């Protein structure tokens, strides 16, 4: 009986091979708002790096 269950399960395994191929998403252009916030985050990161460099040099 276990062999029958195994045969049934194994017969359904090849169905996974017929799955649809992965379609890569097409990148969308960034909005002006997203570019603005990226610019602000970049400025804050540079400011944080300068602050850390200043604090480390004082030590």
PDB file of N, CA and C in Angstrom:
ATOM      1  N   UNK A   1       0.815  -1.196   0.000  1.00  0.00           N
ATOM      2  CA  UNK A   1       0.000   0.000   0.000  1.00  0.00           C
ATOM      3  C   UNK A   1       0.868   1.274   0.000  1.00  0.00           C
ATOM      4  N   UNK A   2       1.981   1.217   0.726  1.00  0.00           N
ATOM      5  CA  UNK A   2       2.875   2.377   0.765  1.00  0.00           C
ATOM      6  C   UNK A   2       3.446   2.641  -0.619  1.00  0.00           C
ATOM      7  N   UNK A   3       3.706   1.587  -1.366  1.00  0.00           N
ATOM      8  CA  UNK A   3       4.230   1.776  -2.724  1.00  0.00           C
ATOM      9  C   UNK A   3       3.214   2.480  -3.612  1.00  0.00           C
ATOM     10  N   UNK A   4       1.937   2.210  -3.399  1.00  0.00           N
ATOM     11  CA  UNK A   4       0.895   2.871  -4.179  1.00  0.00           C
ATOM     12  C   UNK A   4       0.890   4.377  -3.882  1.00  0.00           C
ATOM     13  N   UNK A   5       0.967   4.741  -2.593  1.00  0.00           N
ATOM     14  CA  UNK A   5       1.020   6.157  -2.232  1.00  0.00           C
ATOM     15  C   UNK A   5       2.267   6.826  -2.799  1.00  0.00           C
ATOM     16  N   UNK A   6       3.371   6.128  -2.735  1.00  0.00           N
ATOM     17  CA  UNK A   6       4.617   6.666  -3.277  1.00  0.00           C
ATOM     18  C   UNK A   6       4.501   6.877  -4.778  1.00  0.00           C
ATOM     19  N   UNK A   7       3.901   5.935  -5.474  1.00  0.00           N
ATOM     20  CA  UNK A   7       3.715   6.060  -6.920  1.00  0.00           C
ATOM     21  C   UNK A   7       2.818   7.249  -7.259  1.00  0.00           C
ATOM     22  N   UNK A   8       1.768   7.440  -6.486  1.00  0.00           N
ATOM     23  CA  UNK A   8       0.858   8.563  -6.736  1.00  0.00           C
ATOM     24  C   UNK A   8       1.577   9.897  -6.509  1.00  0.00           C
ATOM     25  N   UNK A   9       2.329   9.979  -5.419  1.00  0.00           N
ATOM     26  CA  UNK A   9       3.058  11.215  -5.129  1.00  0.00           C
ATOM     27  C   UNK A   9       4.106  11.483  -6.198  1.00  0.00           C
ATOM     28  N   UNK A  10       4.833  10.453  -6.602  1.00  0.00           N
ATOM     29  CA  UNK A  10       5.875  10.625  -7.617  1.00  0.00           C
ATOM     30  C   UNK A  10       5.287  10.984  -8.978  1.00  0.00           C
ATOM     31  N   UNK A  11       4.059  10.596  -9.246  1.00  0.00           N
ATOM     32  CA  UNK A  11       3.458  10.929 -10.535  1.00  0.00           C
ATOM     33  C   UNK A  11       3.099  12.414 -10.612  1.00  0.00           C
ATOM     34  N   UNK A  12       2.875  13.057  -9.453  1.00  0.00           N
ATOM     35  CA  UNK A  12       2.549  14.485  -9.457  1.00  0.00           C
ATOM     36  C   UNK A  12       3.783  15.382  -9.418  1.00  0.00           C
ATOM     37  N   UNK A  13       4.934  14.856  -9.104  1.00  0.00           N
ATOM     38  CA  UNK A  13       6.145  15.667  -9.033  1.00  0.00           C
ATOM     39  C   UNK A  13       6.535  16.302 -10.370  1.00  0.00           C
ATOM     40  N   UNK A  14       6.436  15.605 -11.506  1.00  0.00           N
ATOM     41  CA  UNK A  14       6.817  16.265 -12.766  1.00  0.00           C
ATOM     42  C   UNK A  14       5.934  17.456 -13.130  1.00  0.00           C
ATOM     43  N   UNK A  15       4.779  17.602 -12.514  1.00  0.00           N
ATOM     44  CA  UNK A  15       3.919  18.748 -12.809  1.00  0.00           C
ATOM     45  C   UNK A  15       4.604  20.052 -12.423  1.00  0.00           C
ATOM     46  N   UNK A  16       5.499  20.013 -11.452  1.00  0.00           N
ATOM     47  CA  UNK A  16       6.214  21.222 -11.062  1.00  0.00           C
ATOM     48  C   UNK A  16       7.187  21.666 -12.144  1.00  0.00           C
ATOM     49  N   UNK A  17       7.641  20.758 -12.954  1.00  0.00           N
ATOM     50  CA  UNK A  17       8.586  21.095 -14.016  1.00  0.00           C
ATOM     51  C   UNK A  17       7.905  21.936 -15.087  1.00  0.00           C
ATOM     52  N   UNK A  18       6.610  21.802 -15.234  1.00  0.00           N
ATOM     53  CA  UNK A  18       5.876  22.523 -16.271  1.00  0.00           C
ATOM     54  C   UNK A  18       5.444  23.915 -15.817  1.00  0.00           C
ATOM     55  N   UNK A  19       5.998  24.394 -14.743  1.00  0.00           N
ATOM     56  CA  UNK A  19       5.624  25.716 -14.244  1.00  0.00           C
ATOM     57  C   UNK A  19       6.044  26.796 -15.243  1.00  0.00           C
ATOM     58  N   UNK A  20       5.363  27.912 -15.174  1.00  0.00           N
ATOM     59  CA  UNK A  20       5.646  29.025 -16.081  1.00  0.00           C
ATOM     60  C   UNK A  20       7.033  29.591 -15.787  1.00  0.00           C
ATOM     61  N   UNK A  21       7.740  29.972 -16.813  1.00  0.00           N
ATOM     62  CA  UNK A  21       9.084  30.531 -16.655  1.00  0.00           C
ATOM     63  C   UNK A  21       9.005  31.883 -15.949  1.00  0.00           C
ATOM     64  N   UNK A  22      10.061  32.217 -15.248  1.00  0.00           N
ATOM     65  CA  UNK A  22      10.114  33.485 -14.513  1.00  0.00           C
ATOM     66  C   UNK A  22      10.292  34.636 -15.490  1.00  0.00           C
ATOM     67  N   UNK A  23       9.407  35.611 -15.396  1.00  0.00           N
ATOM     68  CA  UNK A  23       9.506  36.827 -16.209  1.00  0.00           C
ATOM     69  C   UNK A  23      10.111  37.929 -15.353  1.00  0.00           C
ATOM     70  N   UNK A  24      11.254  38.434 -15.794  1.00  0.00           N
ATOM     71  CA  UNK A  24      11.908  39.494 -15.029  1.00  0.00           C
ATOM     72  C   UNK A  24      11.076  40.767 -15.098  1.00  0.00           C
ATOM     73  N   UNK A  25      10.936  41.465 -13.980  1.00  0.00           N
ATOM     74  CA  UNK A  25      10.169  42.709 -13.999  1.00  0.00           C
ATOM     75  C   UNK A  25      10.921  43.801 -14.756  1.00  0.00           C
ATOM     76  N   UNK A  26      10.171  44.639 -15.414  1.00  0.00           N
ATOM     77  CA  UNK A  26      10.759  45.746 -16.172  1.00  0.00           C
ATOM     78  C   UNK A  26      10.923  46.926 -15.215  1.00  0.00           C
ATOM     79  N   UNK A  27      12.133  47.446 -15.075  1.00  0.00           N
ATOM     80  CA  UNK A  27      12.326  48.568 -14.147  1.00  0.00           C
ATOM     81  C   UNK A  27      11.567  49.812 -14.606  1.00  0.00           C
ATOM     82  N   UNK A  28      10.991  50.496 -13.648  1.00  0.00           N
ATOM     83  CA  UNK A  28      10.254  51.720 -13.938  1.00  0.00           C
ATOM     84  C   UNK A  28      11.137  52.924 -13.615  1.00  0.00           C
ATOM     85  N   UNK A  29      10.855  54.032 -14.262  1.00  0.00           N
ATOM     86  CA  UNK A  29      11.605  55.259 -13.997  1.00  0.00           C
ATOM     87  C   UNK A  29      11.253  55.782 -12.604  1.00  0.00           C
ATOM     88  N   UNK A  30      12.225  56.409 -11.958  1.00  0.00           N
ATOM     89  CA  UNK A  30      11.971  56.971 -10.632  1.00  0.00           C
ATOM     90  C   UNK A  30      11.247  58.298 -10.758  1.00  0.00           C
ATOM     91  N   UNK A  31      10.403  58.553  -9.788  1.00  0.00           N
ATOM     92  CA  UNK A  31       9.691  59.830  -9.782  1.00  0.00           C
ATOM     93  C   UNK A  31      10.600  60.917  -9.210  1.00  0.00           C
ATOM     94  N   UNK A  32      10.198  62.150  -9.394  1.00  0.00           N
ATOM     95  CA  UNK A  32      10.978  63.274  -8.869  1.00  0.00           C
ATOM     96  C   UNK A  32      11.004  63.242  -7.343  1.00  0.00           C
ATOM     97  N   UNK A  33       9.924  62.789  -6.735  1.00  0.00           N
ATOM     98  CA  UNK A  33       9.881  62.691  -5.275  1.00  0.00           C
ATOM     99  C   UNK A  33      10.892  61.672  -4.773  1.00  0.00           C
ATOM    100  N   UNK A  34      10.973  60.526  -5.442  1.00  0.00           N
ATOM    101  CA  UNK A  34      11.930  59.492  -5.039  1.00  0.00           C
ATOM    102  C   UNK A  34      13.361  59.988  -5.202  1.00  0.00           C
ATOM    103  N   UNK A  35      13.616  60.707  -6.271  1.00  0.00           N
ATOM    104  CA  UNK A  35      14.965  61.244  -6.478  1.00  0.00           C
ATOM    105  C   UNK A  35      15.315  62.288  -5.418  1.00  0.00           C
ATOM    106  N   UNK A  36      14.339  63.101  -5.036  1.00  0.00           N
ATOM    107  CA  UNK A  36      14.571  64.100  -3.991  1.00  0.00           C
ATOM    108  C   UNK A  36      14.930  63.434  -2.671  1.00  0.00           C
ATOM    109  N   UNK A  37      14.174  62.411  -2.264  1.00  0.00           N
ATOM    110  CA  UNK A  37      14.442  61.748  -0.986  1.00  0.00           C
ATOM    111  C   UNK A  37      15.744  60.958  -1.029  1.00  0.00           C
ATOM    112  N   UNK A  38      16.094  60.427  -2.185  1.00  0.00           N
ATOM    113  CA  UNK A  38      17.389  59.752  -2.309  1.00  0.00           C
ATOM    114  C   UNK A  38      18.519  60.762  -2.138  1.00  0.00           C
ATOM    115  N   UNK A  39      18.356  61.939  -2.723  1.00  0.00           N
ATOM    116  CA  UNK A  39      19.354  63.002  -2.580  1.00  0.00           C
ATOM    117  C   UNK A  39      19.485  63.433  -1.121  1.00  0.00           C
ATOM    118  N   UNK A  40      18.358  63.588  -0.435  1.00  0.00           N
ATOM    119  CA  UNK A  40      18.386  63.971   0.979  1.00  0.00           C
ATOM    120  C   UNK A  40      19.068  62.897   1.822  1.00  0.00           C
ATOM    121  N   UNK A  41      18.775  61.643   1.556  1.00  0.00           N
ATOM    122  CA  UNK A  41      19.402  60.550   2.301  1.00  0.00           C
ATOM    123  C   UNK A  41      20.901  60.507   2.028  1.00  0.00           C
ATOM    124  N   UNK A  42      21.290  60.795   0.802  1.00  0.00           N
ATOM    125  CA  UNK A  42      22.720  60.825   0.468  1.00  0.00           C
ATOM    126  C   UNK A  42      23.434  61.939   1.223  1.00  0.00           C
ATOM    127  N   UNK A  43      22.811  63.109   1.297  1.00  0.00           N
ATOM    128  CA  UNK A  43      23.405  64.211   2.057  1.00  0.00           C
ATOM    129  C   UNK A  43      23.533  63.861   3.538  1.00  0.00           C
ATOM    130  N   UNK A  44      22.510  63.232   4.096  1.00  0.00           N
ATOM    131  CA  UNK A  44      22.567  62.841   5.504  1.00  0.00           C
ATOM    132  C   UNK A  44      23.650  61.798   5.742  1.00  0.00           C
ATOM    133  N   UNK A  45      23.819  60.881   4.817  1.00  0.00           N
ATOM    134  CA  UNK A  45      24.865  59.865   4.958  1.00  0.00           C
ATOM    135  C   UNK A  45      26.249  60.509   4.923  1.00  0.00           C
ATOM    136  N   UNK A  46      26.463  61.413   3.985  1.00  0.00           N
ATOM    137  CA  UNK A  46      27.753  62.105   3.906  1.00  0.00           C
ATOM    138  C   UNK A  46      27.981  62.923   5.177  1.00  0.00           C
ATOM    139  N   UNK A  47      26.938  63.588   5.655  1.00  0.00           N
ATOM    140  CA  UNK A  47      27.060  64.351   6.899  1.00  0.00           C
ATOM    141  C   UNK A  47      27.400  63.458   8.090  1.00  0.00           C
ATOM    142  N   UNK A  48      26.789  62.294   8.158  1.00  0.00           N
ATOM    143  CA  UNK A  48      27.086  61.362   9.250  1.00  0.00           C
ATOM    144  C   UNK A  48      28.522  60.861   9.160  1.00  0.00           C
ATOM    145  N   UNK A  49      28.993  60.585   7.960  1.00  0.00           N
ATOM    146  CA  UNK A  49      30.376  60.134   7.793  1.00  0.00           C
ATOM    147  C   UNK A  49      31.372  61.219   8.202  1.00  0.00           C
ATOM    148  N   UNK A  50      31.083  62.456   7.836  1.00  0.00           N
ATOM    149  CA  UNK A  50      31.961  63.569   8.223  1.00  0.00           C
ATOM    150  C   UNK A  50      31.958  63.736   9.741  1.00  0.00           C
ATOM    151  N   UNK A  51      30.784  63.625  10.359  1.00  0.00           N
ATOM    152  CA  UNK A  51      30.689  63.747  11.811  1.00  0.00           C
ATOM    153  C   UNK A  51      31.480  62.652  12.514  1.00  0.00           C
ATOM    154  N   UNK A  52      31.366  61.428  12.043  1.00  0.00           N
ATOM    155  CA  UNK A  52      32.108  60.315  12.648  1.00  0.00           C
ATOM    156  C   UNK A  52      33.604  60.522  12.466  1.00  0.00           C
ATOM    157  N   UNK A  53      34.025  60.960  11.290  1.00  0.00           N
ATOM    158  CA  UNK A  53      35.452  61.208  11.061  1.00  0.00           C
ATOM    159  C   UNK A  53      35.960  62.307  11.990  1.00  0.00           C
ATOM    160  N   UNK A  54      35.160  63.341  12.206  1.00  0.00           N
ATOM    161  CA  UNK A  54      35.544  64.430  13.100  1.00  0.00           C
ATOM    162  C   UNK A  54      35.650  63.940  14.546  1.00  0.00           C
ATOM    163  N   UNK A  55      34.662  63.125  14.975  1.00  0.00           N
ATOM    164  CA  UNK A  55      34.688  62.602  16.345  1.00  0.00           C
ATOM    165  C   UNK A  55      35.871  61.667  16.572  1.00  0.00           C
ATOM    166  N   UNK A  56      36.182  60.858  15.594  1.00  0.00           N
ATOM    167  CA  UNK A  56      37.293  59.915  15.739  1.00  0.00           C
ATOM    168  C   UNK A  56      38.621  60.663  15.762  1.00  0.00           C
ATOM    169  N   UNK A  57      38.743  61.704  14.967  1.00  0.00           N
ATOM    170  CA  UNK A  57      40.012  62.443  14.924  1.00  0.00           C
ATOM    171  C   UNK A  57      40.254  63.220  16.220  1.00  0.00           C
ATOM    172  N   UNK A  58      39.196  63.624  16.932  1.00  0.00           N
ATOM    173  CA  UNK A  58      39.345  64.342  18.198  1.00  0.00           C
ATOM    174  C   UNK A  58      39.841  63.424  19.305  1.00  0.00           C
ATOM    175  N   UNK A  59      39.597  62.165  19.183  1.00  0.00           N
ATOM    176  CA  UNK A  59      39.988  61.207  20.199  1.00  0.00           C
ATOM    177  C   UNK A  59      41.446  61.014  20.100  1.00  0.00           C
TER     178      UNK A  59
END
